[in-house]
PDB file of N, CA and C in Angstrom:
ATOM      1  N   MET A   1       0.812  -1.218   0.272  1.00  0.00           N
ATOM      2  CA  MET A   1      -0.031  -0.038  -0.022  1.00  0.00           C
ATOM      3  C   MET A   1       0.961   1.258  -0.063  1.00  0.00           C
ATOM      4  N   ARG A   2       2.006   0.828   0.626  1.00  0.00           N
ATOM      5  CA  ARG A   2       2.651   2.101   0.874  1.00  0.00           C
ATOM      6  C   ARG A   2       3.284   2.517  -0.438  1.00  0.00           C
ATOM      7  N   THR A   3       3.923   1.689  -1.119  1.00  0.00           N
ATOM      8  CA  THR A   3       4.535   1.833  -2.441  1.00  0.00           C
ATOM      9  C   THR A   3       3.508   2.314  -3.479  1.00  0.00           C
ATOM     10  N   VAL A   4       2.176   2.104  -3.427  1.00  0.00           N
ATOM     11  CA  VAL A   4       1.274   2.757  -4.392  1.00  0.00           C
ATOM     12  C   VAL A   4       1.035   4.066  -4.057  1.00  0.00           C
ATOM     13  N   LEU A   5       1.002   4.483  -2.887  1.00  0.00           N
ATOM     14  CA  LEU A   5       0.762   5.845  -2.245  1.00  0.00           C
ATOM     15  C   LEU A   5       2.008   6.578  -2.726  1.00  0.00           C
ATOM     16  N   VAL A   6       3.321   6.181  -2.630  1.00  0.00           N
ATOM     17  CA  VAL A   6       4.391   6.930  -2.884  1.00  0.00           C
ATOM     18  C   VAL A   6       4.445   7.104  -4.649  1.00  0.00           C
ATOM     19  N   LEU A   7       4.388   6.160  -5.211  1.00  0.00           N
ATOM     20  CA  LEU A   7       4.037   6.042  -6.889  1.00  0.00           C
ATOM     21  C   LEU A   7       2.852   7.133  -7.125  1.00  0.00           C
ATOM     22  N   LEU A   8       1.798   7.001  -6.521  1.00  0.00           N
ATOM     23  CA  LEU A   8       0.882   8.208  -6.889  1.00  0.00           C
ATOM     24  C   LEU A   8       1.187   9.604  -6.428  1.00  0.00           C
ATOM     25  N   LEU A   9       1.920   9.713  -5.398  1.00  0.00           N
ATOM     26  CA  LEU A   9       2.460  11.122  -5.102  1.00  0.00           C
ATOM     27  C   LEU A   9       3.445  11.626  -6.095  1.00  0.00           C
ATOM     28  N   SER A  10       4.244  10.629  -6.398  1.00  0.00           N
ATOM     29  CA  SER A  10       5.298  11.033  -7.499  1.00  0.00           C
ATOM     30  C   SER A  10       4.808  11.358  -8.708  1.00  0.00           C
ATOM     31  N   VAL A  11       3.950  10.722  -9.065  1.00  0.00           N
ATOM     32  CA  VAL A  11       3.237  10.727 -10.533  1.00  0.00           C
ATOM     33  C   VAL A  11       2.534  12.153 -10.296  1.00  0.00           C
ATOM     34  N   SER A  12       1.857  12.523  -9.450  1.00  0.00           N
ATOM     35  CA  SER A  12       1.007  13.491  -9.247  1.00  0.00           C
ATOM     36  C   SER A  12       2.160  14.888  -9.441  1.00  0.00           C
ATOM     37  N   ALA A  13       3.277  14.821  -8.618  1.00  0.00           N
ATOM     38  CA  ALA A  13       4.374  15.600  -8.693  1.00  0.00           C
ATOM     39  C   ALA A  13       4.788  15.999  -9.795  1.00  0.00           C
ATOM     40  N   LEU A  14       5.124  14.970 -10.683  1.00  0.00           N
ATOM     41  CA  LEU A  14       5.793  15.061 -12.055  1.00  0.00           C
ATOM     42  C   LEU A  14       4.933  15.587 -13.074  1.00  0.00           C
ATOM     43  N   SER A  15       3.586  15.348 -12.833  1.00  0.00           N
ATOM     44  CA  SER A  15       2.598  15.701 -13.803  1.00  0.00           C
ATOM     45  C   SER A  15       2.457  17.249 -13.906  1.00  0.00           C
ATOM     46  N   ALA A  16       3.173  17.889 -12.723  1.00  0.00           N
ATOM     47  CA  ALA A  16       2.829  19.550 -12.506  1.00  0.00           C
ATOM     48  C   ALA A  16       4.160  20.197 -13.411  1.00  0.00           C
ATOM     49  N   CYS A  17       5.182  19.332 -13.594  1.00  0.00           N
ATOM     50  CA  CYS A  17       6.504  19.795 -14.022  1.00  0.00           C
ATOM     51  C   CYS A  17       6.212  19.936 -15.707  1.00  0.00           C
ATOM     52  N   GLY A  18       7.073  20.561 -16.272  1.00  0.00           N
ATOM     53  CA  GLY A  18       7.050  20.945 -17.741  1.00  0.00           C
ATOM     54  C   GLY A  18       6.629  22.304 -18.482  1.00  0.00           C
ATOM     55  N   LEU A  19       6.712  22.255 -19.546  1.00  0.00           N
ATOM     56  CA  LEU A  19       6.412  23.295 -20.171  1.00  0.00           C
ATOM     57  C   LEU A  19       4.877  23.234 -20.661  1.00  0.00           C
ATOM     58  N   ARG A  20       4.106  24.707 -20.391  1.00  0.00           N
ATOM     59  CA  ARG A  20       3.006  24.932 -20.595  1.00  0.00           C
ATOM     60  C   ARG A  20       2.615  25.482 -22.160  1.00  0.00           C
ATOM     61  N   GLY A  21       1.652  24.983 -22.586  1.00  0.00           N
ATOM     62  CA  GLY A  21       1.454  25.767 -23.898  1.00  0.00           C
ATOM     63  C   GLY A  21       1.726  24.980 -25.165  1.00  0.00           C
ATOM     64  N   ASP A  22       2.033  25.540 -26.269  1.00  0.00           N
ATOM     65  CA  ASP A  22       2.409  24.635 -27.309  1.00  0.00           C
ATOM     66  C   ASP A  22       3.844  24.282 -27.245  1.00  0.00           C
ATOM     67  N   LEU A  23       4.396  22.849 -27.348  1.00  0.00           N
ATOM     68  CA  LEU A  23       5.629  22.317 -27.195  1.00  0.00           C
ATOM     69  C   LEU A  23       6.194  22.322 -28.490  1.00  0.00           C
ATOM     70  N   VAL A  24       7.496  22.956 -28.439  1.00  0.00           N
ATOM     71  CA  VAL A  24       8.335  23.097 -29.489  1.00  0.00           C
ATOM     72  C   VAL A  24       9.483  21.899 -29.817  1.00  0.00           C
ATOM     73  N   ARG A  25       9.430  21.261 -30.852  1.00  0.00           N
ATOM     74  CA  ARG A  25      10.163  20.246 -31.092  1.00  0.00           C
ATOM     75  C   ARG A  25      11.815  20.901 -31.026  1.00  0.00           C
ATOM     76  N   PRO A  26      12.597  20.322 -30.259  1.00  0.00           N
ATOM     77  CA  PRO A  26      13.983  20.383 -30.231  1.00  0.00           C
ATOM     78  C   PRO A  26      14.708  20.243 -31.219  1.00  0.00           C
ATOM     79  N   MET A  27      15.751  20.918 -31.627  1.00  0.00           N
ATOM     80  CA  MET A  27      16.719  20.560 -32.802  1.00  0.00           C
ATOM     81  C   MET A  27      17.187  19.084 -32.327  1.00  0.00           C
ATOM     82  N   PRO A  28      17.383  18.219 -33.463  1.00  0.00           N
ATOM     83  CA  PRO A  28      17.895  16.855 -32.975  1.00  0.00           C
ATOM     84  C   PRO A  28      19.596  17.096 -32.889  1.00  0.00           C
ATOM     85  N   LEU A  29      20.000  15.950 -32.308  1.00  0.00           N
ATOM     86  CA  LEU A  29      21.486  16.193 -31.821  1.00  0.00           C
ATOM     87  C   LEU A  29      22.413  15.839 -33.075  1.00  0.00           C
ATOM     88  N   TRP A  30      22.021  14.946 -33.869  1.00  0.00           N
ATOM     89  CA  TRP A  30      22.716  14.776 -35.057  1.00  0.00           C
ATOM     90  C   TRP A  30      21.675  14.353 -36.374  1.00  0.00           C
ATOM     91  N   GLY A  31      22.115  14.567 -37.561  1.00  0.00           N
ATOM     92  CA  GLY A  31      21.108  14.442 -38.651  1.00  0.00           C
ATOM     93  C   GLY A  31      20.752  15.582 -39.101  1.00  0.00           C
ATOM     94  N   ASP A  32      19.905  15.644 -40.190  1.00  0.00           N
ATOM     95  CA  ASP A  32      19.370  16.639 -41.062  1.00  0.00           C
ATOM     96  C   ASP A  32      17.877  16.545 -40.618  1.00  0.00           C
ATOM     97  N   PRO A  33      17.092  17.059 -39.812  1.00  0.00           N
ATOM     98  CA  PRO A  33      15.454  17.215 -39.689  1.00  0.00           C
ATOM     99  C   PRO A  33      14.844  17.498 -40.885  1.00  0.00           C
ATOM    100  N   PRO A  34      13.770  17.466 -40.979  1.00  0.00           N
ATOM    101  CA  PRO A  34      12.639  17.921 -42.266  1.00  0.00           C
ATOM    102  C   PRO A  34      12.551  19.337 -41.944  1.00  0.00           C
ATOM    103  N   LEU A  35      12.319  19.651 -43.263  1.00  0.00           N
ATOM    104  CA  LEU A  35      11.971  21.093 -43.303  1.00  0.00           C
ATOM    105  C   LEU A  35      10.589  21.125 -42.607  1.00  0.00           C
ATOM    106  N   ASP A  36      10.171  22.291 -41.462  1.00  0.00           N
ATOM    107  CA  ASP A  36       9.055  22.809 -40.958  1.00  0.00           C
ATOM    108  C   ASP A  36       8.018  23.436 -41.814  1.00  0.00           C
ATOM    109  N   GLY A  37       8.584  23.655 -43.047  1.00  0.00           N
ATOM    110  CA  GLY A  37       7.613  24.811 -43.937  1.00  0.00           C
ATOM    111  C   GLY A  37       8.082  26.030 -44.066  1.00  0.00           C
ATOM    112  N   PRO A  38       7.714  27.074 -44.431  1.00  0.00           N
ATOM    113  CA  PRO A  38       8.036  28.584 -44.778  1.00  0.00           C
ATOM    114  C   PRO A  38       8.698  29.150 -43.307  1.00  0.00           C
ATOM    115  N   THR A  39       8.214  28.939 -42.258  1.00  0.00           N
ATOM    116  CA  THR A  39       8.989  29.100 -40.955  1.00  0.00           C
ATOM    117  C   THR A  39      10.233  28.581 -40.436  1.00  0.00           C
ATOM    118  N   ASP A  40      10.550  27.608 -41.217  1.00  0.00           N
ATOM    119  CA  ASP A  40      11.750  26.909 -40.696  1.00  0.00           C
ATOM    120  C   ASP A  40      13.029  28.009 -41.077  1.00  0.00           C
ATOM    121  N   PRO A  41      13.634  27.862 -40.161  1.00  0.00           N
ATOM    122  CA  PRO A  41      15.151  29.176 -40.305  1.00  0.00           C
ATOM    123  C   PRO A  41      15.840  28.692 -41.559  1.00  0.00           C
ATOM    124  N   ARG A  42      15.948  27.396 -41.938  1.00  0.00           N
ATOM    125  CA  ARG A  42      17.031  27.395 -43.331  1.00  0.00           C
ATOM    126  C   ARG A  42      16.112  27.698 -44.371  1.00  0.00           C
ATOM    127  N   VAL A  43      14.987  27.436 -44.451  1.00  0.00           N
ATOM    128  CA  VAL A  43      14.051  28.015 -45.618  1.00  0.00           C
ATOM    129  C   VAL A  43      14.247  29.730 -45.803  1.00  0.00           C
ATOM    130  N   ILE A  44      13.924  30.271 -44.617  1.00  0.00           N
ATOM    131  CA  ILE A  44      14.224  31.752 -44.544  1.00  0.00           C
ATOM    132  C   ILE A  44      15.416  32.134 -44.807  1.00  0.00           C
ATOM    133  N   LYS A  45      16.513  31.398 -44.485  1.00  0.00           N
ATOM    134  CA  LYS A  45      18.100  31.671 -44.837  1.00  0.00           C
ATOM    135  C   LYS A  45      18.187  31.715 -46.328  1.00  0.00           C
ATOM    136  N   ALA A  46      17.557  30.465 -46.920  1.00  0.00           N
ATOM    137  CA  ALA A  46      18.133  30.364 -48.164  1.00  0.00           C
ATOM    138  C   ALA A  46      17.102  31.232 -49.028  1.00  0.00           C
ATOM    139  N   ALA A  47      15.859  31.649 -48.531  1.00  0.00           N
ATOM    140  CA  ALA A  47      15.080  32.658 -49.354  1.00  0.00           C
ATOM    141  C   ALA A  47      16.133  34.060 -49.497  1.00  0.00           C
ATOM    142  N   GLU A  48      16.394  34.405 -48.176  1.00  0.00           N
ATOM    143  CA  GLU A  48      17.411  35.626 -48.290  1.00  0.00           C
ATOM    144  C   GLU A  48      18.564  35.682 -48.973  1.00  0.00           C
ATOM    145  N   GLU A  49      19.086  34.563 -48.977  1.00  0.00           N
ATOM    146  CA  GLU A  49      20.222  34.309 -49.663  1.00  0.00           C
ATOM    147  C   GLU A  49      20.125  34.382 -51.152  1.00  0.00           C
ATOM    148  N   ALA A  50      19.025  33.498 -51.998  1.00  0.00           N
ATOM    149  CA  ALA A  50      18.390  33.779 -53.509  1.00  0.00           C
ATOM    150  C   ALA A  50      18.247  35.296 -53.535  1.00  0.00           C
ATOM    151  N   GLU A  51      17.632  35.936 -52.725  1.00  0.00           N
ATOM    152  CA  GLU A  51      17.154  37.115 -52.996  1.00  0.00           C
ATOM    153  C   GLU A  51      18.149  38.206 -53.039  1.00  0.00           C
ATOM    154  N   ALA A  52      19.293  38.101 -52.202  1.00  0.00           N
ATOM    155  CA  ALA A  52      20.460  38.789 -52.134  1.00  0.00           C
ATOM    156  C   ALA A  52      21.399  38.473 -53.286  1.00  0.00           C
ATOM    157  N   ALA A  53      21.437  37.210 -53.889  1.00  0.00           N
ATOM    158  CA  ALA A  53      21.995  36.876 -55.211  1.00  0.00           C
ATOM    159  C   ALA A  53      21.533  37.546 -56.349  1.00  0.00           C
ATOM    160  N   GLU A  54      19.807  37.492 -56.360  1.00  0.00           N
ATOM    161  CA  GLU A  54      19.331  38.227 -57.496  1.00  0.00           C
ATOM    162  C   GLU A  54      19.701  39.644 -57.437  1.00  0.00           C
ATOM    163  N   LYS A  55      19.543  40.283 -56.307  1.00  0.00           N
ATOM    164  CA  LYS A  55      19.707  41.520 -56.001  1.00  0.00           C
ATOM    165  C   LYS A  55      21.207  42.019 -56.798  1.00  0.00           C
ATOM    166  N   GLU A  56      22.131  40.897 -56.113  1.00  0.00           N
ATOM    167  CA  GLU A  56      23.363  41.486 -56.829  1.00  0.00           C
ATOM    168  C   GLU A  56      23.650  41.037 -58.613  1.00  0.00           C
ATOM    169  N   ARG A  57      23.024  40.143 -58.946  1.00  0.00           N
ATOM    170  CA  ARG A  57      23.026  40.076 -60.391  1.00  0.00           C
ATOM    171  C   ARG A  57      22.161  41.223 -61.042  1.00  0.00           C
ATOM    172  N   GLN A  58      21.212  41.794 -60.440  1.00  0.00           N
ATOM    173  CA  GLN A  58      20.432  42.955 -61.075  1.00  0.00           C
ATOM    174  C   GLN A  58      21.704  44.130 -60.990  1.00  0.00           C
ATOM    175  N   ASP A  59      22.239  44.443 -59.921  1.00  0.00           N
ATOM    176  CA  ASP A  59      23.131  45.321 -59.719  1.00  0.00           C
ATOM    177  C   ASP A  59      24.110  45.136 -60.867  1.00  0.00           C
ATOM    178  N   ALA A  60      24.718  44.010 -60.942  1.00  0.00           N
ATOM    179  CA  ALA A  60      25.811  43.970 -62.034  1.00  0.00           C
ATOM    180  C   ALA A  60      25.474  44.231 -63.535  1.00  0.00           C
ATOM    181  N   GLU A  61      24.116  43.636 -63.653  1.00  0.00           N
ATOM    182  CA  GLU A  61      23.677  43.979 -65.087  1.00  0.00           C
ATOM    183  C   GLU A  61      23.320  45.542 -64.993  1.00  0.00           C
ATOM    184  N   ARG A  62      23.284  46.054 -64.222  1.00  0.00           N
ATOM    185  CA  ARG A  62      22.729  47.648 -64.301  1.00  0.00           C
ATOM    186  C   ARG A  62      23.936  48.285 -64.430  1.00  0.00           C
ATOM    187  N   ARG A  63      25.326  48.078 -63.566  1.00  0.00           N
ATOM    188  CA  ARG A  63      26.332  48.532 -63.682  1.00  0.00           C
ATOM    189  C   ARG A  63      27.076  48.214 -65.068  1.00  0.00           C
ATOM    190  N   ALA A  64      26.808  47.054 -65.674  1.00  0.00           N
ATOM    191  CA  ALA A  64      27.344  46.763 -67.036  1.00  0.00           C
ATOM    192  C   ALA A  64      26.744  47.615 -68.051  1.00  0.00           C
ATOM    193  N   ALA A  65      25.267  47.845 -68.194  1.00  0.00           N
ATOM    194  CA  ALA A  65      24.642  48.710 -69.007  1.00  0.00           C
ATOM    195  C   ALA A  65      25.226  50.403 -68.808  1.00  0.00           C
ATOM    196  N   ASP A  66      25.302  50.502 -67.563  1.00  0.00           N
ATOM    197  CA  ASP A  66      25.745  51.877 -67.225  1.00  0.00           C
ATOM    198  C   ASP A  66      27.055  52.106 -67.859  1.00  0.00           C
ATOM    199  N   GLU A  67      27.972  51.335 -68.060  1.00  0.00           N
ATOM    200  CA  GLU A  67      29.414  51.586 -68.287  1.00  0.00           C
ATOM    201  C   GLU A  67      29.394  51.383 -69.843  1.00  0.00           C
ATOM    202  N   LYS A  68      28.823  50.446 -70.477  1.00  0.00           N
ATOM    203  CA  LYS A  68      28.146  50.496 -71.941  1.00  0.00           C
ATOM    204  C   LYS A  68      27.974  51.745 -72.432  1.00  0.00           C
ATOM    205  N   ARG A  69      26.780  52.260 -71.646  1.00  0.00           N
ATOM    206  CA  ARG A  69      26.356  53.442 -72.166  1.00  0.00           C
ATOM    207  C   ARG A  69      27.370  54.743 -71.947  1.00  0.00           C
ATOM    208  N   ARG A  70      28.101  54.544 -70.999  1.00  0.00           N
ATOM    209  CA  ARG A  70      28.993  55.574 -71.060  1.00  0.00           C
ATOM    210  C   ARG A  70      30.275  55.726 -71.843  1.00  0.00           C
ATOM    211  N   LEU A  71      30.692  54.305 -72.269  1.00  0.00           N
ATOM    212  CA  LEU A  71      31.501  54.060 -73.424  1.00  0.00           C
ATOM    213  C   LEU A  71      30.933  54.619 -74.676  1.00  0.00           C
ATOM    214  N   GLU A  72      29.754  54.424 -74.872  1.00  0.00           N
ATOM    215  CA  GLU A  72      29.156  54.696 -76.174  1.00  0.00           C
ATOM    216  C   GLU A  72      29.120  56.557 -76.014  1.00  0.00           C
ATOM    217  N   ILE A  73      28.720  56.967 -74.949  1.00  0.00           N
ATOM    218  CA  ILE A  73      28.702  58.505 -75.360  1.00  0.00           C
ATOM    219  C   ILE A  73      30.163  58.881 -75.355  1.00  0.00           C
ATOM    220  N   GLU A  74      31.253  58.293 -74.513  1.00  0.00           N
ATOM    221  CA  GLU A  74      32.461  58.973 -74.955  1.00  0.00           C
ATOM    222  C   GLU A  74      33.001  58.605 -76.355  1.00  0.00           C
ATOM    223  N   GLN A  75      32.587  57.580 -77.041  1.00  0.00           N
ATOM    224  CA  GLN A  75      33.174  57.503 -78.411  1.00  0.00           C
ATOM    225  C   GLN A  75      32.311  58.093 -79.376  1.00  0.00           C
ATOM    226  N   GLY A  76      31.218  58.698 -78.901  1.00  0.00           N
ATOM    227  CA  GLY A  76      30.344  59.457 -79.921  1.00  0.00           C
ATOM    228  C   GLY A  76      30.636  60.948 -79.710  1.00  0.00           C
ATOM    229  N   ALA A  77      31.160  61.272 -78.845  1.00  0.00           N
ATOM    230  CA  ALA A  77      31.460  62.736 -78.628  1.00  0.00           C
ATOM    231  C   ALA A  77      32.665  63.290 -79.354  1.00  0.00           C
ATOM    232  N   THR A  78      32.753  64.365 -79.961  1.00  0.00           N
ATOM    233  CA  THR A  78      33.691  64.770 -80.610  1.00  0.00           C
ATOM    234  C   THR A  78      34.658  65.737 -79.829  1.00  0.00           C
ATOM    235  N   PRO A  79      35.909  65.584 -79.933  1.00  0.00           N
ATOM    236  CA  PRO A  79      36.555  66.134 -79.049  1.00  0.00           C
ATOM    237  C   PRO A  79      36.865  67.793 -79.336  1.00  0.00           C
ATOM    238  N   PRO A  80      36.942  68.659 -78.391  1.00  0.00           N
ATOM    239  CA  PRO A  80      36.848  70.150 -78.549  1.00  0.00           C
ATOM    240  C   PRO A  80      38.223  70.141 -79.870  1.00  0.00           C
ATOM    241  N   ALA A  81      38.109  71.483 -80.304  1.00  0.00           N
ATOM    242  CA  ALA A  81      38.994  71.707 -81.465  1.00  0.00           C
ATOM    243  C   ALA A  81      40.235  72.700 -80.904  1.00  0.00           C
ATOM    244  N   ALA A  82      41.188  72.121 -81.245  1.00  0.00           N
ATOM    245  CA  ALA A  82      42.438  72.649 -80.624  1.00  0.00           C
ATOM    246  C   ALA A  82      42.775  74.168 -81.104  1.00  0.00           C
ATOM    247  N   PRO A  83      42.895  75.043 -80.175  1.00  0.00           N
ATOM    248  CA  PRO A  83      43.097  76.418 -80.614  1.00  0.00           C
ATOM    249  C   PRO A  83      44.258  76.638 -81.473  1.00  0.00           C
ATOM    250  N   GLN A  84      44.395  77.773 -82.539  1.00  0.00           N
ATOM    251  CA  GLN A  84      45.238  77.737 -83.665  1.00  0.00           C
ATOM    252  C   GLN A  84      45.929  78.835 -83.260  1.00  0.00           C
TER     253      GLN A  84
END
């Protein structure tokens, strides 16, 4: 009877421990966990990296077009006449 009472007391004491609300799955100790969807930090990081790469590509294209336009303007301009 005493062991049953001790077990019931310990189970009731342990049931009050722990987190309340939504439980969050901890990261695994090893291996690569499956993606949790759009809120997964790895998905967010990959999207940010892709966005940064796209922005860098667009900036490079814009710089190349500006340089080409500058060269065309320089080649098309006539130099001033030398004083005689």
